Protein backbone atom coordinates (compact mmCIF):
# COMPACT_ATOMS: atom_id res chain seq x y z
CA UNK A 1 -7.13 28.41 37.18
CA UNK A 2 -10.59 28.96 35.83
CA UNK A 3 -10.40 30.86 32.52
CA UNK A 4 -12.53 33.94 32.03
CA UNK A 5 -15.80 33.18 30.27
CA UNK A 6 -18.29 35.22 28.34
CA UNK A 7 -21.98 34.65 28.93
CA UNK A 8 -23.57 32.02 31.12
CA UNK A 9 -21.91 28.95 29.65
CA UNK A 10 -18.68 28.33 27.73
CA UNK A 11 -19.06 28.20 23.98
CA UNK A 12 -17.68 24.95 22.55
CA UNK A 13 -17.31 24.37 18.80
CA UNK A 14 -17.28 20.69 17.76
CA UNK A 15 -15.60 20.26 14.40
CA UNK A 16 -17.05 16.84 13.38
CA UNK A 17 -20.13 14.78 14.19
CA UNK A 18 -19.67 12.71 17.34
CA UNK A 19 -21.77 9.86 18.77
CA UNK A 20 -25.29 11.08 19.61
CA UNK A 21 -24.90 10.54 23.34
CA UNK A 22 -21.74 12.66 23.42
CA UNK A 23 -23.36 15.47 21.45
CA UNK A 24 -26.39 15.48 23.74
CA UNK A 25 -24.18 15.77 26.82
CA UNK A 26 -22.14 18.55 25.24
CA UNK A 27 -25.33 20.47 24.42
CA UNK A 28 -26.58 19.98 27.99
CA UNK A 29 -23.31 21.15 29.52
CA UNK A 30 -22.13 23.93 27.22
CA UNK A 31 -23.26 26.42 24.61
CA UNK A 32 -22.35 23.92 21.90
CA UNK A 33 -21.97 24.57 18.18
CA UNK A 34 -22.27 21.31 16.26
CA UNK A 35 -21.14 20.48 12.75
CA UNK A 36 -24.46 19.12 11.47
CA UNK A 37 -23.31 18.20 7.95
CA UNK A 38 -20.02 16.68 9.22
CA UNK A 39 -17.78 18.46 6.72
CA UNK A 40 -14.06 18.84 7.37
CA UNK A 41 -13.36 22.36 8.64
CA UNK A 42 -11.30 24.64 6.45
CA UNK A 43 -8.48 26.73 7.87
CA UNK A 44 -10.80 29.74 7.77
CA UNK A 45 -13.47 27.88 9.73
CA UNK A 46 -10.94 26.78 12.33
CA UNK A 47 -9.72 30.34 12.73
CA UNK A 48 -13.31 31.54 13.11
CA UNK A 49 -13.98 28.90 15.75
CA UNK A 50 -10.86 29.80 17.70
CA UNK A 51 -11.82 33.45 17.58
CA UNK A 52 -15.45 33.01 18.64
CA UNK A 53 -15.50 29.99 21.00
CA UNK A 54 -14.12 29.33 24.45
CA UNK A 55 -13.09 25.81 23.40
CA UNK A 56 -12.72 23.78 20.22
CA UNK A 57 -13.29 20.03 20.29
CA UNK A 58 -11.20 19.01 17.28
CA UNK A 59 -10.22 15.82 15.48
CA UNK A 60 -7.37 14.54 13.33
CA UNK A 61 -8.95 16.05 10.20
CA UNK A 62 -8.36 19.56 11.60
CA UNK A 63 -4.97 20.98 10.63
CA UNK A 64 -4.42 23.33 13.54
CA UNK A 65 -1.29 24.96 12.17
CA UNK A 66 0.67 27.92 13.44
CA UNK A 67 -1.10 30.09 10.88
CA UNK A 68 -4.52 28.94 12.11
CA UNK A 69 -3.46 29.58 15.71
CA UNK A 70 -2.29 33.10 14.87
CA UNK A 71 -5.90 34.32 14.72
CA UNK A 72 -6.62 37.60 16.50
CA UNK A 73 -8.31 37.87 18.81
CA UNK A 74 -7.87 34.33 20.12
CA UNK A 75 -10.83 33.56 22.36
CA UNK A 76 -10.39 29.80 22.82
CA UNK A 77 -8.44 28.59 25.82
CA UNK A 78 -8.51 24.82 25.18
CA UNK A 79 -8.29 22.41 22.28
CA UNK A 80 -9.91 19.11 23.35
CA UNK A 81 -8.69 16.65 20.75
CA UNK A 82 -10.85 13.63 19.90
CA UNK A 83 -8.07 11.07 19.50
CA UNK A 84 -4.66 10.12 20.85
CA UNK A 85 -2.38 11.52 18.18
CA UNK A 86 -1.88 15.29 18.15
CA UNK A 87 0.51 15.63 15.21
CA UNK A 88 -2.14 17.72 13.41
CA UNK A 89 -1.80 20.43 16.08
CA UNK A 90 1.14 22.83 16.27
CA UNK A 91 1.78 22.23 19.96
CA UNK A 92 4.60 24.75 20.26
CA UNK A 93 2.41 27.55 18.95
CA UNK A 94 -0.51 26.39 21.07
CA UNK A 95 1.66 26.61 24.18
CA UNK A 96 3.01 29.99 23.17
CA UNK A 97 -0.54 31.27 22.78
CA UNK A 98 -1.63 29.92 26.15
CA UNK A 99 -3.86 27.15 24.78
CA UNK A 100 -4.31 23.95 26.74
CA UNK A 101 -4.36 20.84 24.53
CA UNK A 102 -5.80 17.48 25.62
CA UNK A 103 -6.21 14.09 23.96
CA UNK A 104 -8.06 10.82 24.63
CA UNK A 105 -5.51 8.09 25.46
CA UNK A 106 -6.15 4.54 26.56
CA UNK A 107 -9.72 4.12 25.39
CA UNK A 108 -8.85 3.03 21.84
CA UNK A 109 -6.00 0.65 22.68
CA UNK A 110 -7.84 -2.64 22.39
CA UNK A 111 -9.74 -1.96 19.17
CA UNK A 112 -6.62 -0.55 17.49
CA UNK A 113 -4.78 -3.74 18.44
CA UNK A 114 -7.66 -5.84 17.12
CA UNK A 115 -7.49 -4.03 13.77
CA UNK A 116 -3.75 -4.60 13.56
CA UNK A 117 -4.31 -8.33 13.94
CA UNK A 118 -7.08 -8.17 11.34
CA UNK A 119 -4.69 -6.57 8.83
CA UNK A 120 -2.07 -9.23 9.55
CA UNK A 121 -4.61 -11.99 8.94
CA UNK A 122 -6.00 -10.34 5.80
CA UNK A 123 -2.57 -9.84 4.32
CA UNK A 124 -0.92 -13.17 5.09
CA UNK A 125 -4.01 -15.19 4.15
CA UNK A 126 -4.71 -13.01 1.04
CA UNK A 127 -8.27 -12.39 2.17
CA UNK A 128 -8.63 -9.07 0.35
CA UNK A 129 -7.63 -10.71 -2.92
CA UNK A 130 -10.05 -13.54 -2.28
CA UNK A 131 -13.01 -11.29 -1.60
CA UNK A 132 -12.32 -9.21 -4.70
CA UNK A 133 -12.13 -12.35 -6.81
CA UNK A 134 -15.41 -13.68 -5.47
CA UNK A 135 -17.33 -10.38 -5.71
CA UNK A 136 -16.11 -9.86 -9.27
CA UNK A 137 -17.31 -13.32 -10.34
CA UNK A 138 -13.82 -14.64 -11.07
CA UNK A 139 -13.89 -17.55 -8.58
CA UNK A 140 -14.17 -20.89 -10.37
CA UNK A 141 -14.21 -23.14 -7.30
CA UNK A 142 -11.83 -24.77 -4.83
CA UNK A 143 -8.47 -26.03 -6.03
CA UNK A 144 -5.31 -27.08 -4.15
CA UNK A 145 -3.09 -24.22 -5.33
CA UNK A 146 -5.61 -21.37 -5.17
CA UNK A 147 -4.56 -18.15 -3.35
CA UNK A 148 -1.98 -19.80 -1.15
CA UNK A 149 -0.98 -17.43 1.64
CA UNK A 150 1.25 -17.72 4.66
CA UNK A 151 0.54 -19.20 8.08
CA UNK A 152 0.05 -16.59 10.78
CA UNK A 153 0.68 -18.78 13.82
CA UNK A 154 4.33 -19.05 14.75
CA UNK A 155 5.49 -16.03 12.75
CA UNK A 156 8.02 -13.53 14.08
CA UNK A 157 6.33 -10.18 14.68
CA UNK A 158 8.41 -7.03 15.06
CA UNK A 159 6.75 -4.10 16.83
CA UNK A 160 8.19 -0.61 16.42
CA UNK A 161 6.75 1.62 19.15
CA UNK A 162 5.95 -0.29 22.33
CA UNK A 163 3.34 1.87 24.03
CA UNK A 164 -0.17 0.82 25.00
CA UNK A 165 -1.20 -0.31 21.51
CA UNK A 166 2.08 -2.01 20.70
CA UNK A 167 1.87 -3.93 23.96
CA UNK A 168 -1.73 -4.95 23.28
CA UNK A 169 -0.71 -6.26 19.85
CA UNK A 170 2.16 -8.19 21.41
CA UNK A 171 -0.15 -9.90 23.89
CA UNK A 172 -2.52 -10.98 21.12
CA UNK A 173 0.31 -12.20 18.93
CA UNK A 174 2.25 -14.11 21.58
CA UNK A 175 -0.68 -15.59 23.49
CA UNK A 176 -3.24 -16.06 20.75
CA UNK A 177 -1.06 -16.95 17.76
CA UNK A 178 2.10 -18.32 19.35
CA UNK A 179 4.22 -15.68 17.66
CA UNK A 180 7.73 -14.72 18.61
CA UNK A 181 7.51 -10.98 19.31
CA UNK A 182 10.37 -8.49 18.98
CA UNK A 183 9.90 -5.01 20.39
CA UNK A 184 11.72 -1.72 19.87
CA UNK A 185 10.97 1.60 21.52
CA UNK A 186 13.23 4.65 21.92
CA UNK A 187 12.68 4.44 25.66
CA UNK A 188 13.64 0.87 26.47
CA UNK A 189 10.60 -1.15 27.64
CA UNK A 190 10.76 -2.39 31.20
CA UNK A 191 11.66 -6.08 31.61
CA UNK A 192 8.40 -6.81 33.42
CA UNK A 193 6.39 -5.22 30.60
CA UNK A 194 8.23 -7.29 28.01
CA UNK A 195 7.68 -10.45 30.02
CA UNK A 196 3.97 -9.77 30.47
CA UNK A 197 3.59 -9.23 26.72
CA UNK A 198 5.75 -12.18 25.71
CA UNK A 199 8.19 -9.91 23.86
CA UNK A 200 11.95 -9.76 23.37
CA UNK A 201 13.69 -6.35 23.30
CA UNK A 202 15.68 -5.08 20.36
CA UNK A 203 18.00 -2.09 20.41
CA UNK A 204 17.14 -0.49 17.08
CA UNK A 205 14.59 -0.26 14.30
CA UNK A 206 17.10 -1.94 12.01
CA UNK A 207 17.36 -5.04 14.19
CA UNK A 208 13.59 -5.49 14.12
CA UNK A 209 13.41 -5.02 10.35
CA UNK A 210 16.10 -7.61 9.67
CA UNK A 211 14.58 -10.32 11.86
CA UNK A 212 10.80 -10.02 11.64
CA UNK A 213 8.49 -11.61 9.11
CA UNK A 214 5.79 -9.10 10.06
CA UNK A 215 6.67 -5.52 11.04
CA UNK A 216 3.95 -3.46 12.74
CA UNK A 217 4.26 0.28 13.39
CA UNK A 218 2.87 1.80 16.60
CA UNK A 219 4.91 4.96 17.12
CA UNK A 220 3.60 8.54 17.07
CA UNK A 221 4.29 10.79 14.11
CA UNK A 222 6.95 13.30 15.12
CA UNK A 223 9.86 15.03 13.44
CA UNK A 224 11.99 12.02 14.39
CA UNK A 225 9.59 9.41 12.98
CA UNK A 226 8.58 11.17 9.77
CA UNK A 227 9.45 8.69 6.99
CA UNK A 228 11.03 6.45 9.59
CA UNK A 229 10.41 3.61 7.15
CA UNK A 230 12.16 4.77 3.98
CA UNK A 231 13.81 3.01 1.05
CA UNK A 232 16.93 2.18 3.04
CA UNK A 233 15.04 0.59 5.91
CA UNK A 234 12.63 -1.23 3.59
CA UNK A 235 15.74 -2.72 1.99
CA UNK A 236 16.65 -4.30 5.34
CA UNK A 237 13.43 -6.32 5.51
CA UNK A 238 13.17 -9.94 4.45
CA UNK A 239 11.73 -10.47 0.95
CA UNK A 240 8.97 -12.61 2.50
CA UNK A 241 8.15 -9.97 5.15
CA UNK A 242 5.15 -7.65 5.33
CA UNK A 243 4.67 -4.17 6.77
CA UNK A 244 1.63 -3.10 8.82
CA UNK A 245 0.86 0.56 9.54
CA UNK A 246 -2.04 1.51 11.80
CA UNK A 247 -0.21 4.47 13.39
CA UNK A 248 0.16 7.51 11.11
CA UNK A 249 0.70 7.66 7.36
CA UNK A 250 3.68 9.98 7.51
CA UNK A 251 5.79 7.35 9.25
CA UNK A 252 6.17 5.53 5.92
CA UNK A 253 7.63 6.92 2.71
CA UNK A 254 4.84 5.63 0.47
CA UNK A 255 6.76 6.16 -2.78
CA UNK A 256 9.54 3.95 -1.41
CA UNK A 257 6.96 1.45 -0.19
CA UNK A 258 5.36 1.17 -3.63
CA UNK A 259 8.78 0.65 -5.20
CA UNK A 260 9.63 -2.07 -2.66
CA UNK A 261 6.32 -3.85 -3.21
CA UNK A 262 6.72 -3.78 -6.98
CA UNK A 263 10.32 -4.95 -6.86
CA UNK A 264 9.61 -7.77 -4.41
CA UNK A 265 11.87 -6.22 -1.78
CA UNK A 266 9.06 -7.03 0.66
CA UNK A 267 6.06 -9.30 0.16
CA UNK A 268 3.17 -7.04 1.14
CA UNK A 269 1.73 -4.23 3.23
CA UNK A 270 -1.41 -3.63 5.28
CA UNK A 271 -2.31 0.04 5.72
CA UNK A 272 -5.02 1.81 7.70
CA UNK A 273 -3.42 5.27 7.47
CA UNK A 274 -1.92 7.31 4.64
CA UNK A 275 0.45 10.19 4.06
CA UNK A 276 -1.90 12.98 2.94
CA UNK A 277 -5.14 11.13 3.67
CA UNK A 278 -7.92 11.04 2.65
CA UNK A 279 -5.98 11.06 -0.63
CA UNK A 280 -4.42 7.67 -1.37
CA UNK A 281 -1.69 7.13 -3.94
CA UNK A 282 -3.15 5.61 -7.13
CA UNK A 283 -0.18 3.25 -7.38
CA UNK A 284 -1.05 1.79 -3.97
CA UNK A 285 -4.61 1.18 -5.15
CA UNK A 286 -3.34 -0.79 -8.13
CA UNK A 287 -1.29 -3.31 -6.12
CA UNK A 288 -2.69 -6.74 -5.24
CA UNK A 289 -0.20 -7.41 -2.42
CA UNK A 290 -1.61 -4.57 -0.30
CA UNK A 291 -4.61 -4.43 2.03
CA UNK A 292 -6.02 -0.91 2.35
CA UNK A 293 -8.49 0.25 5.00
CA UNK A 294 -10.02 3.75 5.44
CA UNK A 295 -8.53 4.66 8.85
CA UNK A 296 -10.74 2.37 10.94
CA UNK A 297 -8.37 1.83 13.89
CA UNK A 298 -10.73 3.21 16.56
CA UNK A 299 -13.94 2.69 14.61
CA UNK A 300 -16.07 0.76 17.06
CA UNK A 301 -19.21 2.15 18.67
CA UNK A 302 -17.82 1.52 22.13
CA UNK A 303 -14.49 3.20 21.46
CA UNK A 304 -15.79 6.28 19.68
CA UNK A 305 -18.27 6.82 22.53
CA UNK A 306 -15.46 6.44 25.09
CA UNK A 307 -13.28 8.90 23.15
CA UNK A 308 -16.08 11.45 23.12
CA UNK A 309 -16.70 11.02 26.83
CA UNK A 310 -13.00 11.47 27.52
CA UNK A 311 -12.94 14.72 25.54
CA UNK A 312 -16.06 15.86 27.40
CA UNK A 313 -14.44 15.06 30.75
CA UNK A 314 -11.38 17.11 29.82
CA UNK A 315 -13.59 20.09 28.97
CA UNK A 316 -15.57 19.71 32.19
CA UNK A 317 -12.38 19.65 34.25
CA UNK A 318 -10.91 22.66 32.50
CA UNK A 319 -13.99 24.84 32.81
CA UNK A 320 -14.51 23.62 36.37
CA UNK A 321 -11.08 24.96 37.28
CA UNK A 322 -9.31 21.57 37.57
CA UNK A 323 -6.33 20.30 35.55
CA UNK A 324 -7.58 18.10 32.67
CA UNK A 325 -6.36 14.54 33.14
CA UNK A 326 -5.20 14.18 29.55
CA UNK A 327 -3.30 17.40 29.04
CA UNK A 328 -0.52 17.15 26.44
CA UNK A 329 0.29 20.86 26.14
């Protein structure tokens, strides 16, 4: 059903800067309000946008809480999220208020998988430590025992969350690096999917943690997965194992992770996401056996353009009276 509109064209508020091509198309198509200085919207700004726009094109930096969604009057009819994860949106309240919510799945799968492999390589081969040493002028030349890391090829990789990205990581690991891949997902992966990805199924998170030398997280952040990796589960990992998180920061209890890294319970961690980002725990910053990236999982020109085009397509469908292809609420 086509929602009622005010004026000639729907008003769309865009909460962050998007690729130029996407912004130009949005301006051509809609009465578009851009965020020219690219600041993160406050709760008050989000409420104002919801009260004055027909749609809000939001991102993961926007905390669209129940309080934000309680604005009166609520003019917006759709939240077009730029990204796959929607844990920053109170979906139950959005539904109750009649808001359609969409996301941008699929288009960031390959680059997110690439970044996961990059973190694995950086961590096992101690590349972050090496670059810091060289840039700081501490490198004294080649020597046989300098910065010895671990071989990546032939490792056992455990994947927790076997959706599109988890499967893409499995293909890279099994085909490109000859890894043994273990996979766990709450909904058991189909045998043909496992075979195509070169993966073996496991029945629980605990089984993966006990067996794998590398554990990579690819599950969404939900009430069930919040602090999924806590002190107890970290204690199940091998002391030579490493943890990779490119999913969402809240999946890992970072205080427990720091304690495990300091105690040698696990050997290292590679993180692209953080609980409470952009704030990062100072004790994580002080550890040498950690690789830290500033949430770069989808940060390629091609992917960010594709994400913007997907959000645009969802808005076009909605305001054209068709069901958006990527509706999540």
